[in-house]
N, C-alpha and C. Protein backbone atom coordinates (compact mmCIF):
# COMPACT_ATOMS: atom_id res chain seq x y z
N MET A 1 54.40 148.91 209.24
CA MET A 1 53.93 150.24 208.88
C MET A 1 52.76 150.07 207.90
N ASN A 2 51.66 150.70 208.23
CA ASN A 2 50.50 150.57 207.36
C ASN A 2 50.59 151.56 206.20
N ALA A 3 49.67 151.50 205.28
CA ALA A 3 49.70 152.31 204.05
C ALA A 3 49.58 153.79 204.35
N THR A 4 48.77 154.17 205.32
CA THR A 4 48.60 155.59 205.66
C THR A 4 49.90 156.16 206.23
N THR A 5 50.54 155.43 207.09
CA THR A 5 51.80 155.89 207.68
C THR A 5 52.89 155.99 206.61
N ARG A 6 52.96 154.99 205.73
CA ARG A 6 53.94 155.03 204.64
C ARG A 6 53.71 156.24 203.75
N ARG A 7 52.46 156.53 203.47
CA ARG A 7 52.13 157.69 202.64
C ARG A 7 52.56 158.99 203.32
N ARG A 8 52.32 159.13 204.61
CA ARG A 8 52.71 160.32 205.36
C ARG A 8 54.24 160.48 205.38
N VAL A 9 54.94 159.39 205.59
CA VAL A 9 56.42 159.44 205.59
C VAL A 9 56.92 159.85 204.20
N TYR A 10 56.33 159.28 203.17
CA TYR A 10 56.71 159.61 201.80
C TYR A 10 56.47 161.10 201.51
N LEU A 11 55.31 161.61 201.89
CA LEU A 11 54.98 163.03 201.66
C LEU A 11 55.91 163.95 202.46
N ALA A 12 56.24 163.58 203.68
CA ALA A 12 57.16 164.39 204.50
C ALA A 12 58.56 164.41 203.87
N ALA A 13 59.01 163.26 203.39
CA ALA A 13 60.32 163.19 202.74
C ALA A 13 60.33 164.00 201.45
N LEU A 14 59.25 163.94 200.70
CA LEU A 14 59.13 164.70 199.46
C LEU A 14 59.13 166.21 199.75
N ALA A 15 58.41 166.62 200.78
CA ALA A 15 58.39 168.05 201.16
C ALA A 15 59.77 168.51 201.61
N ALA A 16 60.46 167.70 202.39
CA ALA A 16 61.81 168.06 202.84
C ALA A 16 62.77 168.17 201.66
N ALA A 17 62.65 167.28 200.71
CA ALA A 17 63.50 167.35 199.51
C ALA A 17 63.20 168.61 198.71
N GLY A 18 61.92 168.98 198.62
CA GLY A 18 61.54 170.19 197.91
C GLY A 18 62.10 171.44 198.58
N VAL A 19 62.04 171.50 199.89
CA VAL A 19 62.59 172.65 200.62
C VAL A 19 64.10 172.71 200.41
N GLY A 20 64.77 171.58 200.50
CA GLY A 20 66.22 171.54 200.28
C GLY A 20 66.60 171.99 198.88
N ALA A 21 65.85 171.55 197.89
CA ALA A 21 66.12 171.96 196.50
C ALA A 21 65.89 173.45 196.32
N ALA A 22 64.85 174.00 196.94
CA ALA A 22 64.57 175.43 196.83
C ALA A 22 65.69 176.25 197.45
N LEU A 23 66.20 175.82 198.59
CA LEU A 23 67.31 176.54 199.24
C LEU A 23 68.57 176.48 198.39
N ALA A 24 68.86 175.33 197.82
CA ALA A 24 70.05 175.20 196.96
C ALA A 24 69.88 176.04 195.70
N PHE A 25 68.71 176.05 195.13
CA PHE A 25 68.42 176.82 193.93
C PHE A 25 68.59 178.32 194.19
N GLN A 26 68.17 178.79 195.38
CA GLN A 26 68.30 180.20 195.73
C GLN A 26 69.77 180.64 195.75
N ARG A 27 70.67 179.77 196.14
CA ARG A 27 72.09 180.12 196.20
C ARG A 27 72.72 180.26 194.82
N ILE A 28 72.24 179.51 193.84
CA ILE A 28 72.89 179.55 192.53
C ILE A 28 72.21 180.47 191.53
N MET A 29 70.94 180.81 191.77
CA MET A 29 70.21 181.67 190.85
C MET A 29 70.27 183.12 191.32
N PRO A 30 70.53 184.06 190.41
CA PRO A 30 70.51 185.46 190.82
C PRO A 30 69.10 185.89 191.22
N VAL A 31 69.02 186.71 192.25
CA VAL A 31 67.75 187.27 192.68
C VAL A 31 67.90 188.79 192.81
N GLU A 32 66.80 189.50 192.74
CA GLU A 32 66.84 190.95 192.87
C GLU A 32 66.99 191.31 194.35
N ARG A 33 67.98 192.13 194.65
CA ARG A 33 68.27 192.52 196.03
C ARG A 33 68.16 194.03 196.16
N GLU A 34 67.55 194.47 197.24
CA GLU A 34 67.40 195.91 197.47
C GLU A 34 68.63 196.43 198.21
N VAL A 35 69.14 197.55 197.71
CA VAL A 35 70.31 198.20 198.32
C VAL A 35 69.92 199.64 198.65
N ARG A 36 70.24 200.05 199.86
CA ARG A 36 70.00 201.43 200.29
C ARG A 36 71.34 202.09 200.58
N ILE A 37 71.48 203.31 200.12
CA ILE A 37 72.69 204.09 200.40
C ILE A 37 72.26 205.23 201.31
N ARG A 38 72.80 205.25 202.52
CA ARG A 38 72.49 206.32 203.47
C ARG A 38 73.63 207.34 203.46
N ILE A 39 73.26 208.61 203.32
CA ILE A 39 74.26 209.68 203.21
C ILE A 39 74.14 210.57 204.45
N ASP A 40 75.22 210.62 205.26
CA ASP A 40 75.20 211.39 206.50
C ASP A 40 75.16 212.90 206.25
N HIS A 41 75.88 213.39 205.27
CA HIS A 41 75.93 214.84 204.98
C HIS A 41 75.60 215.07 203.50
N PRO A 42 74.30 215.04 203.15
CA PRO A 42 73.90 215.09 201.75
C PRO A 42 73.81 216.49 201.14
N GLU A 43 73.95 217.54 201.97
CA GLU A 43 73.66 218.89 201.49
C GLU A 43 74.54 219.36 200.33
N ASP A 44 75.79 218.90 200.24
CA ASP A 44 76.66 219.35 199.15
C ASP A 44 76.96 218.27 198.12
N VAL A 45 76.24 217.14 198.18
CA VAL A 45 76.47 216.04 197.24
C VAL A 45 75.85 216.39 195.89
N GLN A 46 76.67 216.29 194.83
CA GLN A 46 76.21 216.57 193.48
C GLN A 46 75.96 215.30 192.67
N GLN A 47 76.73 214.24 192.99
CA GLN A 47 76.58 212.99 192.24
C GLN A 47 77.04 211.81 193.10
N VAL A 48 76.32 210.70 192.95
CA VAL A 48 76.70 209.44 193.60
C VAL A 48 76.68 208.36 192.54
N SER A 49 77.73 207.54 192.49
CA SER A 49 77.79 206.40 191.57
C SER A 49 78.07 205.14 192.39
N LEU A 50 77.42 204.06 192.02
CA LEU A 50 77.61 202.78 192.68
C LEU A 50 77.83 201.73 191.60
N SER A 51 78.94 201.00 191.69
CA SER A 51 79.17 199.91 190.74
C SER A 51 79.51 198.64 191.50
N TRP A 52 79.11 197.52 190.93
CA TRP A 52 79.31 196.21 191.54
C TRP A 52 80.18 195.35 190.63
N THR A 53 81.12 194.64 191.22
CA THR A 53 81.90 193.63 190.49
C THR A 53 81.87 192.34 191.28
N ASP A 54 81.94 191.23 190.56
CA ASP A 54 81.92 189.93 191.23
C ASP A 54 83.33 189.53 191.67
N ALA A 55 83.47 188.34 192.21
CA ALA A 55 84.76 187.86 192.74
C ALA A 55 85.83 187.77 191.66
N ASP A 56 85.42 187.61 190.40
CA ASP A 56 86.38 187.53 189.29
C ASP A 56 86.73 188.90 188.72
N GLY A 57 86.11 189.96 189.26
CA GLY A 57 86.36 191.31 188.76
C GLY A 57 85.49 191.71 187.60
N ASP A 58 84.51 190.87 187.25
CA ASP A 58 83.60 191.17 186.15
C ASP A 58 82.51 192.14 186.62
N ALA A 59 82.20 193.14 185.79
CA ALA A 59 81.16 194.12 186.13
C ALA A 59 79.81 193.43 186.24
N LEU A 60 79.07 193.78 187.27
CA LEU A 60 77.76 193.19 187.51
C LEU A 60 76.65 194.20 187.22
N ALA A 61 76.76 195.39 187.79
CA ALA A 61 75.72 196.42 187.61
C ALA A 61 76.29 197.76 188.07
N SER A 62 75.60 198.83 187.68
CA SER A 62 76.00 200.15 188.15
C SER A 62 74.77 201.07 188.18
N SER A 63 74.85 202.08 189.02
CA SER A 63 73.79 203.09 189.14
C SER A 63 74.45 204.44 189.34
N ARG A 64 73.75 205.49 188.90
CA ARG A 64 74.28 206.85 189.06
C ARG A 64 73.12 207.80 189.33
N TRP A 65 73.33 208.70 190.29
CA TRP A 65 72.35 209.72 190.64
C TRP A 65 73.04 211.08 190.58
N SER A 66 72.35 212.08 190.04
CA SER A 66 72.87 213.45 189.99
C SER A 66 71.87 214.38 190.68
N PHE A 67 72.40 215.41 191.35
CA PHE A 67 71.57 216.32 192.13
C PHE A 67 72.03 217.76 191.91
N ALA A 68 71.09 218.65 191.71
CA ALA A 68 71.41 220.06 191.50
C ALA A 68 71.59 220.79 192.83
N HIS A 69 70.84 220.39 193.87
CA HIS A 69 70.86 221.12 195.14
C HIS A 69 71.00 220.18 196.32
N GLY A 70 71.96 219.30 196.30
CA GLY A 70 72.14 218.35 197.39
C GLY A 70 71.32 217.08 197.17
N ALA A 71 71.73 216.03 197.84
CA ALA A 71 71.10 214.72 197.69
C ALA A 71 70.13 214.46 198.83
N PRO A 72 69.22 213.50 198.66
CA PRO A 72 68.41 213.08 199.80
C PRO A 72 69.29 212.28 200.78
N THR A 73 68.79 212.00 201.94
CA THR A 73 69.59 211.26 202.93
C THR A 73 69.66 209.77 202.62
N GLU A 74 68.80 209.29 201.72
CA GLU A 74 68.82 207.87 201.38
C GLU A 74 68.49 207.68 199.90
N LEU A 75 69.27 206.82 199.26
CA LEU A 75 69.03 206.42 197.87
C LEU A 75 68.71 204.94 197.86
N LYS A 76 67.85 204.52 196.95
CA LYS A 76 67.50 203.10 196.83
C LYS A 76 67.79 202.63 195.42
N THR A 77 68.27 201.40 195.34
CA THR A 77 68.50 200.78 194.05
C THR A 77 68.33 199.28 194.22
N LYS A 78 68.36 198.56 193.12
CA LYS A 78 68.28 197.10 193.15
C LYS A 78 69.40 196.53 192.32
N VAL A 79 69.89 195.39 192.73
CA VAL A 79 70.91 194.68 191.97
C VAL A 79 70.50 193.22 191.89
N ARG A 80 70.69 192.64 190.73
CA ARG A 80 70.35 191.22 190.53
C ARG A 80 71.65 190.43 190.70
N ALA A 81 71.70 189.63 191.77
CA ALA A 81 72.93 188.88 192.07
C ALA A 81 72.59 187.63 192.85
N ARG A 82 73.42 186.63 192.71
CA ARG A 82 73.23 185.43 193.53
C ARG A 82 73.96 185.61 194.86
N SER A 83 73.76 184.73 195.79
CA SER A 83 74.44 184.80 197.08
C SER A 83 75.94 184.72 196.85
N GLY A 84 76.69 185.50 197.60
CA GLY A 84 78.14 185.50 197.47
C GLY A 84 78.73 186.85 197.81
N SER A 85 80.02 186.98 197.58
CA SER A 85 80.76 188.19 197.92
C SER A 85 81.00 189.04 196.67
N TYR A 86 80.80 190.35 196.81
CA TYR A 86 80.95 191.30 195.70
C TYR A 86 81.71 192.52 196.18
N ARG A 87 82.27 193.26 195.25
CA ARG A 87 82.91 194.54 195.58
C ARG A 87 81.97 195.65 195.16
N ALA A 88 81.65 196.52 196.13
CA ALA A 88 80.82 197.70 195.85
C ALA A 88 81.76 198.90 195.83
N SER A 89 81.70 199.67 194.77
CA SER A 89 82.51 200.88 194.64
C SER A 89 81.58 202.08 194.59
N LEU A 90 81.65 202.91 195.64
CA LEU A 90 80.83 204.12 195.74
C LEU A 90 81.69 205.33 195.45
N THR A 91 81.25 206.16 194.52
CA THR A 91 81.95 207.41 194.22
C THR A 91 81.01 208.55 194.52
N VAL A 92 81.49 209.52 195.29
CA VAL A 92 80.68 210.67 195.68
C VAL A 92 81.37 211.94 195.22
N GLU A 93 80.63 212.77 194.52
CA GLU A 93 81.14 214.08 194.12
C GLU A 93 80.40 215.14 194.92
N ARG A 94 81.18 215.94 195.65
CA ARG A 94 80.61 217.02 196.46
C ARG A 94 81.05 218.36 195.87
N ALA A 95 80.25 219.37 196.07
CA ALA A 95 80.57 220.71 195.55
C ALA A 95 81.89 221.20 196.15
N GLY A 96 82.80 221.62 195.27
CA GLY A 96 84.05 222.22 195.70
C GLY A 96 85.11 221.28 196.22
N THR A 97 84.94 219.96 196.11
CA THR A 97 85.95 219.01 196.57
C THR A 97 86.19 217.94 195.51
N ALA A 98 87.27 217.21 195.68
CA ALA A 98 87.59 216.10 194.77
C ALA A 98 86.64 214.94 195.05
N SER A 99 86.48 214.08 194.08
CA SER A 99 85.62 212.89 194.24
C SER A 99 86.17 211.99 195.33
N GLU A 100 85.26 211.40 196.09
CA GLU A 100 85.64 210.42 197.11
C GLU A 100 85.23 209.04 196.60
N VAL A 101 86.13 208.08 196.70
CA VAL A 101 85.82 206.71 196.29
C VAL A 101 85.93 205.80 197.50
N ASP A 102 84.90 205.02 197.73
CA ASP A 102 84.87 204.10 198.86
C ASP A 102 84.58 202.72 198.30
N GLU A 103 85.51 201.79 198.46
CA GLU A 103 85.31 200.42 197.99
C GLU A 103 85.20 199.50 199.20
N ARG A 104 84.25 198.59 199.11
CA ARG A 104 84.07 197.65 200.22
C ARG A 104 83.53 196.33 199.72
N ARG A 105 83.76 195.28 200.50
CA ARG A 105 83.23 193.95 200.21
C ARG A 105 81.82 193.87 200.79
N VAL A 106 80.91 193.35 200.00
CA VAL A 106 79.53 193.14 200.45
C VAL A 106 79.18 191.69 200.16
N THR A 107 78.63 191.01 201.16
CA THR A 107 78.22 189.62 200.99
C THR A 107 76.70 189.55 200.99
N PHE A 108 76.16 189.01 199.92
CA PHE A 108 74.73 188.76 199.83
C PHE A 108 74.49 187.33 200.29
N ASP A 109 73.64 187.17 201.29
CA ASP A 109 73.31 185.84 201.79
C ASP A 109 71.86 185.88 202.24
N GLY A 110 70.97 185.44 201.38
CA GLY A 110 69.55 185.50 201.70
C GLY A 110 68.92 186.76 201.14
N PRO A 111 67.63 186.96 201.41
CA PRO A 111 66.89 188.05 200.78
C PRO A 111 66.95 189.40 201.49
N ALA A 112 67.70 189.52 202.58
CA ALA A 112 67.71 190.78 203.34
C ALA A 112 68.26 191.93 202.51
N GLU A 113 67.79 193.14 202.84
CA GLU A 113 68.29 194.32 202.15
C GLU A 113 69.69 194.64 202.65
N THR A 114 70.44 195.37 201.84
CA THR A 114 71.79 195.78 202.18
C THR A 114 71.83 197.29 202.32
N VAL A 115 72.47 197.76 203.36
CA VAL A 115 72.59 199.19 203.59
C VAL A 115 74.05 199.59 203.52
N LEU A 116 74.37 200.56 202.66
CA LEU A 116 75.71 201.13 202.57
C LEU A 116 75.64 202.54 203.11
N ARG A 117 76.57 202.93 203.96
CA ARG A 117 76.56 204.25 204.57
C ARG A 117 77.71 205.09 204.02
N LEU A 118 77.38 206.34 203.64
CA LEU A 118 78.38 207.30 203.20
C LEU A 118 78.52 208.38 204.26
N PRO A 119 79.74 208.69 204.66
CA PRO A 119 79.93 209.76 205.65
C PRO A 119 79.64 211.13 205.05
């Protein structure tokens, strides 16, 4: 193997190691993730709350929206979290009814946005 070939092999190995380190780093470091809440029947919604807890039950983040005359069909928020499984707790208050609470598991894996749907 001549010097030019050795250099190319070395640079390719170095680049591959860099890509591998970046992927591993992405899994352990929290990143900002976009979350959208889609509301099927927003006309009587007065308040929406979203809270996140991690696998150990520790609070991660929360958001709250209030509306005087119904909600929009979509709400957007961001949460800073690393890849993994979380519990999302959505509470919806509608005019003239009791609060509805919807809890679900959400897995963040990669940079894709997450969409939560409310009936």
